[in-house]
Amino acid sequence: MAPTKLLYMEDSYKLQDAAQFIDITQTEGGKTALVLDQTIFYPQGGGQPYDTGIISQGANEFKVDEVRFKDGIVYHVGNFTRGLIEKGTQVTLTVDEPRRKQNRRNHTAGHLIDVAVKNLGLSLTPAKGFHFPEGAYVEYVGLMDEAQKEELRVKIEGEVNRLVQLKLPMTAKQVTYDELKELCDFVPEYLPKGKPIRIEKIGEYKAHPCGGTHVSNTEEVGRVSIEKLKSKSGNTRVSYKIT
């Protein structure tokens, strides 16, 4: 089976499009999943939750409850709520807009924290991010002085919201693996295999390797609250929330 074309990599704002229904299968957990030739649905990964929505053909409808990626194929997991859809036919994809909008803003906020940490000269190396609506955080290798944590929390929050207010453009492009080291401050070893490599750039700052969905301008993120800083086992976690 040919890899699924990942349309969300090209446009984070596209919420409806067409695709060809390739196959229907069962997940390891016994759930029904549809495979398409291309998709605007984001599969969970990179710290970002999956999209939800509807795949339809005329009056026939499949409700997408989760989206997964494996070996180059995107699996739209859910169930038929009305009728059935024949394989080989064209279908309409509709992504849930409020959920996508929230995920775009939350993911970009995580990247803004990376920029803020660097701008403040903190000796922290990016490790991972969790950009879910509840419990969002960015984690770094390195520790903070316990006595300075509240002061640093306030400084990070101030710098992140300064970047938001600057209305900086977000740009993305696909690159080769060799180009990453030149364009990015940090290239994680855990980059997923089998996916196209894309970078996200905030204004004129160094890019971040990322295949998630993002806003087009930092102003869309809105105010970011840095909830707390926590250091443990050599790492520091910066927890945040968008308002």
Protein backbone atom coordinates (compact mmCIF):
# COMPACT_ATOMS: atom_id res chain seq x y z
CA MET A 1 0.00 0.00 0.00
CA ALA A 2 1.36 3.43 -0.94
CA PRO A 3 2.12 5.90 1.88
CA THR A 4 -0.64 8.35 2.74
CA LYS A 5 -0.05 11.87 1.40
CA LEU A 6 0.04 14.19 4.44
CA LEU A 7 -1.85 17.30 3.36
CA TYR A 8 -1.83 18.81 6.87
CA MET A 9 1.93 19.25 6.44
CA GLU A 10 1.23 21.73 3.66
CA ASP A 11 -1.62 23.71 5.25
CA SER A 12 -2.57 23.75 8.95
CA TYR A 13 -5.73 25.71 8.17
CA LYS A 14 -7.33 23.36 5.64
CA LEU A 15 -10.35 21.83 7.37
CA GLN A 16 -12.11 20.26 4.40
CA ASP A 17 -10.81 18.40 1.35
CA ALA A 18 -11.36 15.37 -0.85
CA ALA A 19 -9.58 12.01 -0.90
CA GLN A 20 -9.94 8.51 -2.31
CA PHE A 21 -11.10 5.76 0.02
CA ILE A 22 -8.46 3.01 -0.33
CA ASP A 23 -9.23 0.38 2.30
CA ILE A 24 -11.03 -0.48 5.51
CA THR A 25 -9.23 -2.45 8.22
CA GLN A 26 -9.27 -3.34 11.90
CA THR A 27 -6.79 -2.03 14.46
CA GLU A 28 -5.07 -4.32 16.94
CA GLY A 29 -7.73 -3.31 19.43
CA GLY A 30 -10.53 -4.34 17.08
CA LYS A 31 -11.56 -0.83 16.05
CA THR A 32 -12.57 0.09 12.48
CA ALA A 33 -10.13 2.25 10.52
CA LEU A 34 -10.30 3.81 7.06
CA VAL A 35 -7.24 4.29 4.85
CA LEU A 36 -7.20 7.08 2.26
CA ASP A 37 -4.77 8.12 -0.46
CA GLN A 38 -4.28 11.49 1.28
CA THR A 39 -5.49 13.23 4.41
CA ILE A 40 -5.86 16.55 6.21
CA PHE A 41 -6.38 14.72 9.52
CA TYR A 42 -3.43 14.98 11.90
CA PRO A 43 -2.39 11.62 13.44
CA GLN A 44 -1.28 11.78 17.06
CA GLY A 45 2.45 12.24 17.44
CA GLY A 46 5.18 14.75 18.18
CA GLY A 47 3.45 15.66 21.42
CA GLN A 48 0.29 16.80 19.63
CA PRO A 49 -3.11 15.05 19.90
CA TYR A 50 -4.93 13.74 16.83
CA ASP A 51 -7.69 15.49 14.92
CA THR A 52 -11.29 14.31 14.97
CA GLY A 53 -14.05 14.89 12.44
CA ILE A 54 -16.09 13.31 9.65
CA ILE A 55 -15.40 11.34 6.45
CA SER A 56 -18.48 11.40 4.21
CA GLN A 57 -19.79 10.40 0.82
CA GLY A 58 -23.21 11.85 0.08
CA ALA A 59 -25.50 10.74 2.91
CA ASN A 60 -22.99 8.12 4.13
CA GLU A 61 -20.88 9.16 7.09
CA PHE A 62 -17.93 7.85 9.11
CA LYS A 63 -17.12 9.55 12.42
CA VAL A 64 -13.37 9.88 13.02
CA ASP A 65 -12.64 9.48 16.74
CA GLU A 66 -8.86 9.16 16.54
CA VAL A 67 -6.10 9.19 13.93
CA ARG A 68 -2.94 7.07 14.00
CA PHE A 69 0.21 6.77 11.87
CA LYS A 70 2.13 3.56 11.24
CA ASP A 71 4.66 2.63 8.56
CA GLY A 72 3.73 5.56 6.33
CA ILE A 73 -0.03 4.93 6.53
CA VAL A 74 -2.58 7.12 8.33
CA TYR A 75 -5.43 5.21 9.96
CA HIS A 76 -8.70 7.09 10.54
CA VAL A 77 -10.24 5.22 13.46
CA GLY A 78 -13.94 5.42 14.28
CA ASN A 79 -17.27 4.06 13.12
CA PHE A 80 -19.98 4.47 10.50
CA THR A 81 -22.81 6.57 11.87
CA ARG A 82 -24.85 6.51 8.66
CA GLY A 83 -24.67 4.07 5.75
CA LEU A 84 -21.43 2.67 4.34
CA ILE A 85 -18.77 3.92 1.91
CA GLU A 86 -17.51 1.86 -1.01
CA LYS A 87 -13.78 1.39 -1.52
CA GLY A 88 -12.30 3.21 -4.49
CA THR A 89 -14.72 6.14 -4.29
CA GLN A 90 -14.06 9.80 -3.51
CA VAL A 91 -14.91 11.01 -0.02
CA THR A 92 -15.07 14.38 1.71
CA LEU A 93 -12.93 15.00 4.79
CA THR A 94 -14.05 17.49 7.45
CA VAL A 95 -11.82 18.21 10.45
CA ASP A 96 -13.29 19.46 13.72
CA GLU A 97 -12.37 23.16 13.68
CA PRO A 98 -12.33 24.07 17.41
CA ARG A 99 -10.09 21.10 18.24
CA ARG A 100 -7.65 21.88 15.40
CA LYS A 101 -7.54 25.55 16.38
CA GLN A 102 -6.76 24.67 20.00
CA ASN A 103 -4.02 22.24 18.94
CA ARG A 104 -2.44 24.79 16.59
CA ARG A 105 -2.26 27.43 19.31
CA ASN A 106 -1.03 25.02 21.97
CA HIS A 107 1.72 23.55 19.80
CA THR A 108 3.01 26.95 18.73
CA ALA A 109 3.03 28.08 22.38
CA GLY A 110 5.41 25.21 23.13
CA HIS A 111 7.78 26.43 20.41
CA LEU A 112 7.58 29.98 21.77
CA ILE A 113 8.76 28.67 25.14
CA ASP A 114 11.81 27.17 23.38
CA VAL A 115 12.62 30.57 21.86
CA ALA A 116 12.05 32.35 25.18
CA VAL A 117 14.35 29.95 27.06
CA LYS A 118 17.10 30.57 24.51
CA ASN A 119 16.54 34.36 24.51
CA LEU A 120 16.92 34.39 28.31
CA GLY A 121 20.25 32.57 28.05
CA LEU A 122 19.17 29.56 30.11
CA SER A 123 21.41 26.50 29.87
CA LEU A 124 18.66 24.06 28.94
CA THR A 125 18.58 21.60 26.02
CA PRO A 126 15.16 20.71 24.51
CA ALA A 127 14.12 17.13 25.27
CA LYS A 128 10.41 16.72 24.54
CA GLY A 129 7.07 18.48 24.43
CA PHE A 130 3.51 17.58 25.42
CA HIS A 131 1.13 19.97 23.67
CA PHE A 132 -2.24 18.67 24.85
CA PRO A 133 -4.99 21.02 26.09
CA GLU A 134 -4.55 19.76 29.65
CA GLY A 135 -1.17 19.32 31.27
CA ALA A 136 0.90 20.89 28.47
CA TYR A 137 4.63 21.16 29.06
CA VAL A 138 8.05 21.45 27.44
CA GLU A 139 10.86 19.46 29.03
CA TYR A 140 14.58 20.24 28.93
CA VAL A 141 17.81 18.55 29.92
CA GLY A 142 19.34 20.69 32.66
CA LEU A 143 18.39 21.99 36.09
CA MET A 144 17.32 25.34 37.51
CA ASP A 145 18.31 26.87 40.82
CA GLU A 146 15.40 26.20 43.21
CA ALA A 147 15.77 29.69 44.70
CA GLN A 148 15.34 31.29 41.28
CA LYS A 149 12.44 29.22 39.94
CA GLU A 150 9.68 31.77 40.57
CA GLU A 151 11.77 34.58 39.14
CA LEU A 152 12.56 32.49 36.06
CA ARG A 153 8.92 31.44 35.66
CA VAL A 154 7.91 35.10 35.53
CA LYS A 155 10.70 35.92 33.08
CA ILE A 156 9.83 33.03 30.73
CA GLU A 157 6.14 33.99 30.80
CA GLY A 158 6.99 37.61 30.06
CA GLU A 159 9.28 36.72 27.17
CA VAL A 160 6.78 34.27 25.63
CA ASN A 161 4.00 36.87 25.70
CA ARG A 162 6.34 39.51 24.29
CA LEU A 163 6.90 37.20 21.31
CA VAL A 164 3.15 36.68 20.98
CA GLN A 165 2.54 40.43 20.89
CA LEU A 166 5.22 40.95 18.24
CA LYS A 167 2.88 39.16 15.78
CA LEU A 168 5.76 37.14 14.33
CA PRO A 169 5.02 35.09 11.20
CA MET A 170 5.26 31.31 11.35
CA THR A 171 6.73 29.68 8.25
CA ALA A 172 7.23 26.03 7.37
CA LYS A 173 9.07 24.06 4.72
CA GLN A 174 10.21 20.54 4.04
CA VAL A 175 13.94 19.88 4.18
CA THR A 176 16.44 17.06 3.99
CA TYR A 177 17.89 15.58 7.15
CA ASP A 178 21.28 17.11 6.32
CA GLU A 179 19.75 20.59 6.23
CA LEU A 180 18.35 20.29 9.75
CA LYS A 181 21.67 20.92 11.53
CA GLU A 182 22.21 24.07 9.52
CA LEU A 183 18.73 25.50 10.04
CA CYS A 184 17.91 24.35 13.59
CA ASP A 185 19.43 24.99 17.02
CA PHE A 186 18.65 21.47 18.10
CA VAL A 187 17.93 18.25 16.18
CA PRO A 188 16.44 15.47 18.36
CA GLU A 189 17.58 11.89 17.81
CA TYR A 190 14.02 10.59 18.15
CA LEU A 191 12.66 12.12 14.92
CA PRO A 192 10.09 9.64 13.54
CA LYS A 193 11.16 7.56 10.59
CA GLY A 194 9.01 7.32 7.49
CA LYS A 195 7.56 10.83 7.75
CA PRO A 196 8.61 13.84 5.64
CA ILE A 197 10.95 16.18 7.54
CA ARG A 198 9.57 19.68 8.01
CA ILE A 199 10.79 22.69 9.95
CA GLU A 200 8.79 25.47 11.60
CA LYS A 201 10.31 28.92 11.90
CA ILE A 202 9.15 31.75 14.19
CA GLY A 203 10.07 35.10 12.67
CA GLU A 204 13.83 35.21 12.11
CA TYR A 205 14.68 32.82 14.94
CA LYS A 206 16.30 29.44 14.31
CA ALA A 207 13.87 26.78 13.09
CA HIS A 208 12.49 23.75 14.94
CA PRO A 209 11.99 20.33 13.31
CA CYS A 210 8.25 19.71 13.58
CA GLY A 211 5.49 17.93 11.67
CA GLY A 212 2.60 19.32 13.74
CA THR A 213 0.00 21.98 13.03
CA HIS A 214 0.71 25.62 13.88
CA VAL A 215 -0.72 29.12 13.68
CA SER A 216 0.44 31.45 10.90
CA ASN A 217 1.17 34.35 13.26
CA THR A 218 2.16 34.28 16.94
CA GLU A 219 -0.65 36.71 17.81
CA GLU A 220 -3.14 33.86 17.26
CA VAL A 221 -1.68 31.95 20.23
CA GLY A 222 -3.13 34.42 22.71
CA ARG A 223 -1.85 34.84 26.23
CA VAL A 224 0.36 32.06 27.59
CA SER A 225 0.55 31.30 31.29
CA ILE A 226 3.64 29.51 32.61
CA GLU A 227 2.09 27.42 35.37
CA LYS A 228 5.21 26.05 37.06
CA LEU A 229 8.82 24.93 36.68
CA LYS A 230 9.82 21.54 38.04
CA SER A 231 13.31 20.04 38.10
CA LYS A 232 13.84 16.33 38.61
CA SER A 233 16.38 13.67 37.60
CA GLY A 234 18.48 16.14 35.64
CA ASN A 235 15.54 17.58 33.67
CA THR A 236 13.41 20.71 33.98
CA ARG A 237 9.76 20.74 32.97
CA VAL A 238 8.06 24.02 32.02
CA SER A 239 4.29 23.58 32.33
CA TYR A 240 2.07 26.02 30.47
CA LYS A 241 -1.48 26.86 29.51
CA ILE A 242 -2.99 29.09 26.81
CA THR A 243 -5.90 31.35 27.74
